[in-house]
Amino acid sequence: LYGVINASVTASNITRQLTLTSSD
């Protein structure tokens, strides 16, 4: 459970912070 939550939070952070937007 800890691993799944960790992975979900990490993927969410990448989506919000490290992914190019359409305008970019």
PDB file of all heavy atoms in Angstrom:
ATOM      1  N   LEU A   1       0.834  -1.207   0.000  1.00  0.00           N
ATOM      2  CA  LEU A   1       0.000   0.000   0.000  1.00  0.00           C
ATOM      3  C   LEU A   1       0.862   1.248   0.000  1.00  0.00           C
ATOM      4  O   LEU A   1       0.593   2.213  -0.733  1.00  0.00           O
ATOM      5  CB  LEU A   1      -0.925  -0.002   1.215  1.00  0.00           C
ATOM      6  CG  LEU A   1      -1.887   1.183   1.338  1.00  0.00           C
ATOM      7  CD1 LEU A   1      -2.840   1.225   0.140  1.00  0.00           C
ATOM      8  CD2 LEU A   1      -2.680   1.092   2.643  1.00  0.00           C
ATOM      9  N   TYR A   2       1.917   1.220   0.810  1.00  0.00           N
ATOM     10  CA  TYR A   2       2.855   2.347   0.863  1.00  0.00           C
ATOM     11  C   TYR A   2       3.489   2.589  -0.503  1.00  0.00           C
ATOM     12  O   TYR A   2       3.610   3.734  -0.957  1.00  0.00           O
ATOM     13  CB  TYR A   2       3.942   2.036   1.909  1.00  0.00           C
ATOM     14  CG  TYR A   2       5.159   2.916   1.848  1.00  0.00           C
ATOM     15  CD1 TYR A   2       5.181   4.153   2.477  1.00  0.00           C
ATOM     16  CD2 TYR A   2       6.299   2.506   1.161  1.00  0.00           C
ATOM     17  CE1 TYR A   2       6.305   4.967   2.421  1.00  0.00           C
ATOM     18  CE2 TYR A   2       7.424   3.310   1.091  1.00  0.00           C
ATOM     19  CZ  TYR A   2       7.424   4.534   1.730  1.00  0.00           C
ATOM     20  OH  TYR A   2       8.534   5.342   1.663  1.00  0.00           O
ATOM     21  N   GLY A   3       3.864   1.519  -1.189  1.00  0.00           N
ATOM     22  CA  GLY A   3       4.483   1.655  -2.508  1.00  0.00           C
ATOM     23  C   GLY A   3       3.523   2.245  -3.529  1.00  0.00           C
ATOM     24  O   GLY A   3       3.907   3.108  -4.333  1.00  0.00           O
ATOM     25  N   VAL A   4       2.261   1.805  -3.503  1.00  0.00           N
ATOM     26  CA  VAL A   4       1.262   2.321  -4.448  1.00  0.00           C
ATOM     27  C   VAL A   4       1.015   3.813  -4.205  1.00  0.00           C
ATOM     28  O   VAL A   4       0.954   4.611  -5.147  1.00  0.00           O
ATOM     29  CB  VAL A   4      -0.055   1.526  -4.316  1.00  0.00           C
ATOM     30  CG1 VAL A   4      -1.172   2.217  -5.100  1.00  0.00           C
ATOM     31  CG2 VAL A   4       0.131   0.102  -4.814  1.00  0.00           C
ATOM     32  N   ILE A   5       0.877   4.211  -2.935  1.00  0.00           N
ATOM     33  CA  ILE A   5       0.650   5.620  -2.609  1.00  0.00           C
ATOM     34  C   ILE A   5       1.857   6.459  -3.024  1.00  0.00           C
ATOM     35  O   ILE A   5       1.719   7.541  -3.612  1.00  0.00           O
ATOM     36  CB  ILE A   5       0.367   5.783  -1.099  1.00  0.00           C
ATOM     37  CG1 ILE A   5      -0.963   5.120  -0.743  1.00  0.00           C
ATOM     38  CG2 ILE A   5       0.340   7.263  -0.711  1.00  0.00           C
ATOM     39  CD1 ILE A   5      -1.242   5.080   0.749  1.00  0.00           C
ATOM     40  N   ASN A   6       3.059   5.972  -2.729  1.00  0.00           N
ATOM     41  CA  ASN A   6       4.285   6.665  -3.141  1.00  0.00           C
ATOM     42  C   ASN A   6       4.310   6.897  -4.649  1.00  0.00           C
ATOM     43  O   ASN A   6       4.591   7.996  -5.135  1.00  0.00           O
ATOM     44  CB  ASN A   6       5.510   5.842  -2.749  1.00  0.00           C
ATOM     45  CG  ASN A   6       6.153   6.349  -1.478  1.00  0.00           C
ATOM     46  OD1 ASN A   6       5.837   7.425  -0.986  1.00  0.00           O
ATOM     47  ND2 ASN A   6       7.053   5.569  -0.937  1.00  0.00           N
ATOM     48  N   ALA A   7       4.027   5.830  -5.401  1.00  0.00           N
ATOM     49  CA  ALA A   7       4.064   5.918  -6.858  1.00  0.00           C
ATOM     50  C   ALA A   7       3.018   6.904  -7.376  1.00  0.00           C
ATOM     51  O   ALA A   7       3.276   7.676  -8.300  1.00  0.00           O
ATOM     52  CB  ALA A   7       3.843   4.535  -7.469  1.00  0.00           C
ATOM     53  N   SER A   8       1.833   6.878  -6.781  1.00  0.00           N
ATOM     54  CA  SER A   8       0.761   7.773  -7.214  1.00  0.00           C
ATOM     55  C   SER A   8       1.129   9.231  -6.969  1.00  0.00           C
ATOM     56  O   SER A   8       0.912  10.099  -7.826  1.00  0.00           O
ATOM     57  CB  SER A   8      -0.543   7.432  -6.479  1.00  0.00           C
ATOM     58  OG  SER A   8      -0.939   6.110  -6.752  1.00  0.00           O
ATOM     59  N   VAL A   9       1.687   9.516  -5.794  1.00  0.00           N
ATOM     60  CA  VAL A   9       2.073  10.888  -5.463  1.00  0.00           C
ATOM     61  C   VAL A   9       3.193  11.363  -6.385  1.00  0.00           C
ATOM     62  O   VAL A   9       3.179  12.494  -6.884  1.00  0.00           O
ATOM     63  CB  VAL A   9       2.512  10.981  -3.988  1.00  0.00           C
ATOM     64  CG1 VAL A   9       3.147  12.339  -3.688  1.00  0.00           C
ATOM     65  CG2 VAL A   9       1.325  10.740  -3.069  1.00  0.00           C
ATOM     66  N   THR A  10       4.170  10.493  -6.633  1.00  0.00           N
ATOM     67  CA  THR A  10       5.283  10.853  -7.521  1.00  0.00           C
ATOM     68  C   THR A  10       4.785  11.149  -8.933  1.00  0.00           C
ATOM     69  O   THR A  10       5.170  12.155  -9.548  1.00  0.00           O
ATOM     70  CB  THR A  10       6.314   9.708  -7.572  1.00  0.00           C
ATOM     71  OG1 THR A  10       6.812   9.483  -6.248  1.00  0.00           O
ATOM     72  CG2 THR A  10       7.472  10.050  -8.486  1.00  0.00           C
ATOM     73  N   ALA A  11       3.906  10.283  -9.468  1.00  0.00           N
ATOM     74  CA  ALA A  11       3.361  10.498 -10.806  1.00  0.00           C
ATOM     75  C   ALA A  11       2.547  11.795 -10.866  1.00  0.00           C
ATOM     76  O   ALA A  11       2.609  12.535 -11.853  1.00  0.00           O
ATOM     77  CB  ALA A  11       2.500   9.308 -11.220  1.00  0.00           C
ATOM     78  N   SER A  12       1.804  12.072  -9.794  1.00  0.00           N
ATOM     79  CA  SER A  12       1.015  13.305  -9.739  1.00  0.00           C
ATOM     80  C   SER A  12       1.916  14.540  -9.748  1.00  0.00           C
ATOM     81  O   SER A  12       1.628  15.534 -10.432  1.00  0.00           O
ATOM     82  CB  SER A  12       0.131  13.297  -8.494  1.00  0.00           C
ATOM     83  OG  SER A  12      -0.576  14.512  -8.359  1.00  0.00           O
ATOM     84  N   ASN A  13       3.004  14.476  -8.995  1.00  0.00           N
ATOM     85  CA  ASN A  13       3.948  15.602  -8.959  1.00  0.00           C
ATOM     86  C   ASN A  13       4.582  15.844 -10.331  1.00  0.00           C
ATOM     87  O   ASN A  13       4.793  16.985 -10.736  1.00  0.00           O
ATOM     88  CB  ASN A  13       5.043  15.334  -7.918  1.00  0.00           C
ATOM     89  CG  ASN A  13       4.526  15.425  -6.498  1.00  0.00           C
ATOM     90  OD1 ASN A  13       3.491  16.040  -6.242  1.00  0.00           O
ATOM     91  ND2 ASN A  13       5.234  14.805  -5.557  1.00  0.00           N
ATOM     92  N   ILE A  14       4.893  14.757 -11.025  1.00  0.00           N
ATOM     93  CA  ILE A  14       5.472  14.892 -12.371  1.00  0.00           C
ATOM     94  C   ILE A  14       4.465  15.550 -13.307  1.00  0.00           C
ATOM     95  O   ILE A  14       4.799  16.444 -14.097  1.00  0.00           O
ATOM     96  CB  ILE A  14       5.903  13.516 -12.911  1.00  0.00           C
ATOM     97  CG1 ILE A  14       7.112  12.993 -12.127  1.00  0.00           C
ATOM     98  CG2 ILE A  14       6.239  13.591 -14.395  1.00  0.00           C
ATOM     99  CD1 ILE A  14       7.492  11.574 -12.460  1.00  0.00           C
ATOM    100  N   THR A  15       3.210  15.120 -13.224  1.00  0.00           N
ATOM    101  CA  THR A  15       2.164  15.693 -14.071  1.00  0.00           C
ATOM    102  C   THR A  15       2.023  17.194 -13.838  1.00  0.00           C
ATOM    103  O   THR A  15       1.887  17.985 -14.778  1.00  0.00           O
ATOM    104  CB  THR A  15       0.816  15.004 -13.799  1.00  0.00           C
ATOM    105  OG1 THR A  15       0.949  13.603 -14.048  1.00  0.00           O
ATOM    106  CG2 THR A  15      -0.279  15.569 -14.694  1.00  0.00           C
ATOM    107  N   ARG A  16       2.094  17.606 -12.563  1.00  0.00           N
ATOM    108  CA  ARG A  16       1.880  19.014 -12.223  1.00  0.00           C
ATOM    109  C   ARG A  16       3.114  19.881 -12.466  1.00  0.00           C
ATOM    110  O   ARG A  16       3.009  21.036 -12.851  1.00  0.00           O
ATOM    111  CB  ARG A  16       1.452  19.144 -10.758  1.00  0.00           C
ATOM    112  CG  ARG A  16       0.039  18.650 -10.479  1.00  0.00           C
ATOM    113  CD  ARG A  16      -0.410  18.917  -9.061  1.00  0.00           C
ATOM    114  NE  ARG A  16       0.332  18.100  -8.093  1.00  0.00           N
ATOM    115  CZ  ARG A  16       1.305  18.563  -7.318  1.00  0.00           C
ATOM    116  NH1 ARG A  16       1.671  19.832  -7.400  1.00  0.00           N
ATOM    117  NH2 ARG A  16       1.920  17.765  -6.473  1.00  0.00           N
ATOM    118  N   GLN A  17       4.301  19.310 -12.259  1.00  0.00           N
ATOM    119  CA  GLN A  17       5.503  20.131 -12.226  1.00  0.00           C
ATOM    120  C   GLN A  17       6.462  19.911 -13.392  1.00  0.00           C
ATOM    121  O   GLN A  17       7.225  20.817 -13.748  1.00  0.00           O
ATOM    122  CB  GLN A  17       6.277  19.877 -10.913  1.00  0.00           C
ATOM    123  CG  GLN A  17       5.464  20.155  -9.661  1.00  0.00           C
ATOM    124  CD  GLN A  17       6.176  19.693  -8.402  1.00  0.00           C
ATOM    125  OE1 GLN A  17       7.342  19.297  -8.428  1.00  0.00           O
ATOM    126  NE2 GLN A  17       5.480  19.716  -7.282  1.00  0.00           N
ATOM    127  N   LEU A  18       6.453  18.729 -13.975  1.00  0.00           N
ATOM    128  CA  LEU A  18       7.512  18.365 -14.918  1.00  0.00           C
ATOM    129  C   LEU A  18       7.011  17.953 -16.291  1.00  0.00           C
ATOM    130  O   LEU A  18       7.728  17.314 -17.047  1.00  0.00           O
ATOM    131  CB  LEU A  18       8.374  17.233 -14.321  1.00  0.00           C
ATOM    132  CG  LEU A  18       9.046  17.554 -12.984  1.00  0.00           C
ATOM    133  CD1 LEU A  18       9.652  16.295 -12.378  1.00  0.00           C
ATOM    134  CD2 LEU A  18      10.130  18.611 -13.172  1.00  0.00           C
ATOM    135  N   THR A  19       5.745  18.286 -16.593  1.00  0.00           N
ATOM    136  CA  THR A  19       5.188  17.933 -17.887  1.00  0.00           C
ATOM    137  C   THR A  19       4.923  19.189 -18.690  1.00  0.00           C
ATOM    138  O   THR A  19       4.367  20.163 -18.171  1.00  0.00           O
ATOM    139  CB  THR A  19       3.858  17.154 -17.698  1.00  0.00           C
ATOM    140  OG1 THR A  19       4.114  15.977 -16.930  1.00  0.00           O
ATOM    141  CG2 THR A  19       3.276  16.745 -19.043  1.00  0.00           C
ATOM    142  N   LEU A  20       5.328  19.191 -19.946  1.00  0.00           N
ATOM    143  CA  LEU A  20       5.085  20.346 -20.809  1.00  0.00           C
ATOM    144  C   LEU A  20       3.590  20.521 -21.063  1.00  0.00           C
ATOM    145  O   LEU A  20       2.886  19.560 -21.352  1.00  0.00           O
ATOM    146  CB  LEU A  20       5.809  20.175 -22.150  1.00  0.00           C
ATOM    147  CG  LEU A  20       7.343  20.262 -22.129  1.00  0.00           C
ATOM    148  CD1 LEU A  20       7.884  19.983 -23.518  1.00  0.00           C
ATOM    149  CD2 LEU A  20       7.795  21.640 -21.660  1.00  0.00           C
ATOM    150  N   THR A  21       3.114  21.779 -20.952  1.00  0.00           N
ATOM    151  CA  THR A  21       1.721  22.070 -21.279  1.00  0.00           C
ATOM    152  C   THR A  21       1.562  22.207 -22.792  1.00  0.00           C
ATOM    153  O   THR A  21       2.543  22.288 -23.525  1.00  0.00           O
ATOM    154  CB  THR A  21       1.289  23.387 -20.600  1.00  0.00           C
ATOM    155  OG1 THR A  21       2.093  24.451 -21.142  1.00  0.00           O
ATOM    156  CG2 THR A  21       1.495  23.318 -19.101  1.00  0.00           C
ATOM    157  N   SER A  22       0.331  22.257 -23.255  1.00  0.00           N
ATOM    158  CA  SER A  22       0.082  22.399 -24.691  1.00  0.00           C
ATOM    159  C   SER A  22       0.669  23.690 -25.226  1.00  0.00           C
ATOM    160  O   SER A  22       1.247  23.736 -26.310  1.00  0.00           O
ATOM    161  CB  SER A  22      -1.439  22.354 -24.962  1.00  0.00           C
ATOM    162  OG  SER A  22      -1.970  21.110 -24.544  1.00  0.00           O
ATOM    163  N   SER A  23       0.537  24.768 -24.437  1.00  0.00           N
ATOM    164  CA  SER A  23       1.082  26.059 -24.869  1.00  0.00           C
ATOM    165  C   SER A  23       2.618  26.024 -24.927  1.00  0.00           C
ATOM    166  O   SER A  23       3.222  26.578 -25.849  1.00  0.00           O
ATOM    167  CB  SER A  23       0.629  27.174 -23.934  1.00  0.00           C
ATOM    168  OG  SER A  23       1.022  26.898 -22.598  1.00  0.00           O
ATOM    169  N   ASP A  24       3.234  25.355 -23.952  1.00  0.00           N
ATOM    170  CA  ASP A  24       4.695  25.208 -23.975  1.00  0.00           C
ATOM    171  C   ASP A  24       5.127  24.415 -25.199  1.00  0.00           C
ATOM    172  O   ASP A  24       6.129  24.743 -25.841  1.00  0.00           O
ATOM    173  CB  ASP A  24       5.188  24.495 -22.708  1.00  0.00           C
ATOM    174  CG  ASP A  24       5.052  25.351 -21.473  1.00  0.00           C
ATOM    175  OD1 ASP A  24       5.097  26.582 -21.608  1.00  0.00           O
ATOM    176  OD2 ASP A  24       4.913  24.771 -20.379  1.00  0.00           O
TER     177      ASP A  24
END
